[in-house]
Amino acid sequence: EPRGFGFVKFRYPEDVADAKSHLNHTVIGGREIRIVFAEENRKTPQEMRRTGGARL
């Protein structure tokens, strides 16, 4: 089964730390989610699909 990924934008910086501390490694639908902060030099979703690897 594919690992999948998503992106979330926050309006307030303090919400970012709060979300990570409360939701990182939470199990949703039987799958653990991991919160990783995006970096400017990350691959695009299309590039990630071509290589078969994705991080969430």
Protein backbone atom coordinates (compact mmCIF):
# COMPACT_ATOMS: atom_id res chain seq x y z
CA GLU A 1 0.00 0.00 0.00
CA PRO A 2 1.39 3.46 -0.88
CA ARG A 3 2.56 5.60 2.02
CA GLY A 4 0.90 8.84 0.93
CA PHE A 5 1.63 12.34 2.14
CA GLY A 6 0.02 15.73 2.62
CA PHE A 7 0.85 19.35 3.24
CA VAL A 8 -0.65 21.67 5.85
CA LYS A 9 -0.23 25.44 6.15
CA PHE A 10 -0.75 27.14 9.50
CA ARG A 11 -1.84 30.72 10.02
CA TYR A 12 -0.06 31.11 13.38
CA PRO A 13 3.49 29.87 14.10
CA GLU A 14 2.59 28.69 17.60
CA ASP A 15 0.05 26.28 16.08
CA VAL A 16 2.87 24.51 14.22
CA ALA A 17 4.67 23.42 17.39
CA ASP A 18 1.37 22.55 19.06
CA ALA A 19 0.30 20.33 16.16
CA LYS A 20 3.64 18.54 16.07
CA SER A 21 3.73 17.90 19.82
CA HIS A 22 0.17 16.56 19.88
CA LEU A 23 -0.11 14.75 16.54
CA ASN A 24 3.35 13.41 15.63
CA HIS A 25 3.29 9.57 15.71
CA THR A 26 -0.51 9.52 16.12
CA VAL A 27 -2.26 6.50 14.61
CA ILE A 28 -5.04 7.41 12.17
CA GLY A 29 -6.92 4.72 10.30
CA GLY A 30 -4.47 2.12 11.58
CA ARG A 31 -1.45 4.02 10.21
CA GLU A 32 1.06 6.12 12.11
CA ILE A 33 1.50 9.69 10.90
CA ARG A 34 4.81 11.51 11.15
CA ILE A 35 5.19 15.26 10.97
CA VAL A 36 8.19 16.46 8.97
CA PHE A 37 8.70 20.13 8.20
CA ALA A 38 9.00 20.94 4.50
CA GLU A 39 12.25 22.38 3.21
CA GLU A 40 12.68 24.63 0.21
CA ASN A 41 14.94 22.14 -1.58
CA ARG A 42 12.62 19.14 -1.24
CA LYS A 43 11.50 17.21 -4.29
CA THR A 44 8.15 17.99 -5.87
CA PRO A 45 5.34 15.42 -5.50
CA GLN A 46 5.89 14.42 -9.15
CA GLU A 47 9.60 13.80 -8.52
CA MET A 48 8.78 11.75 -5.43
CA ARG A 49 6.36 9.55 -7.39
CA ARG A 50 9.00 8.88 -10.06
CA THR A 51 11.52 7.65 -7.48
CA GLY A 52 8.93 5.70 -5.50
CA GLY A 53 9.88 7.33 -2.19
CA ALA A 54 7.86 9.75 -0.09
CA ARG A 55 8.15 11.08 3.43
CA LEU A 56 5.27 12.23 5.56
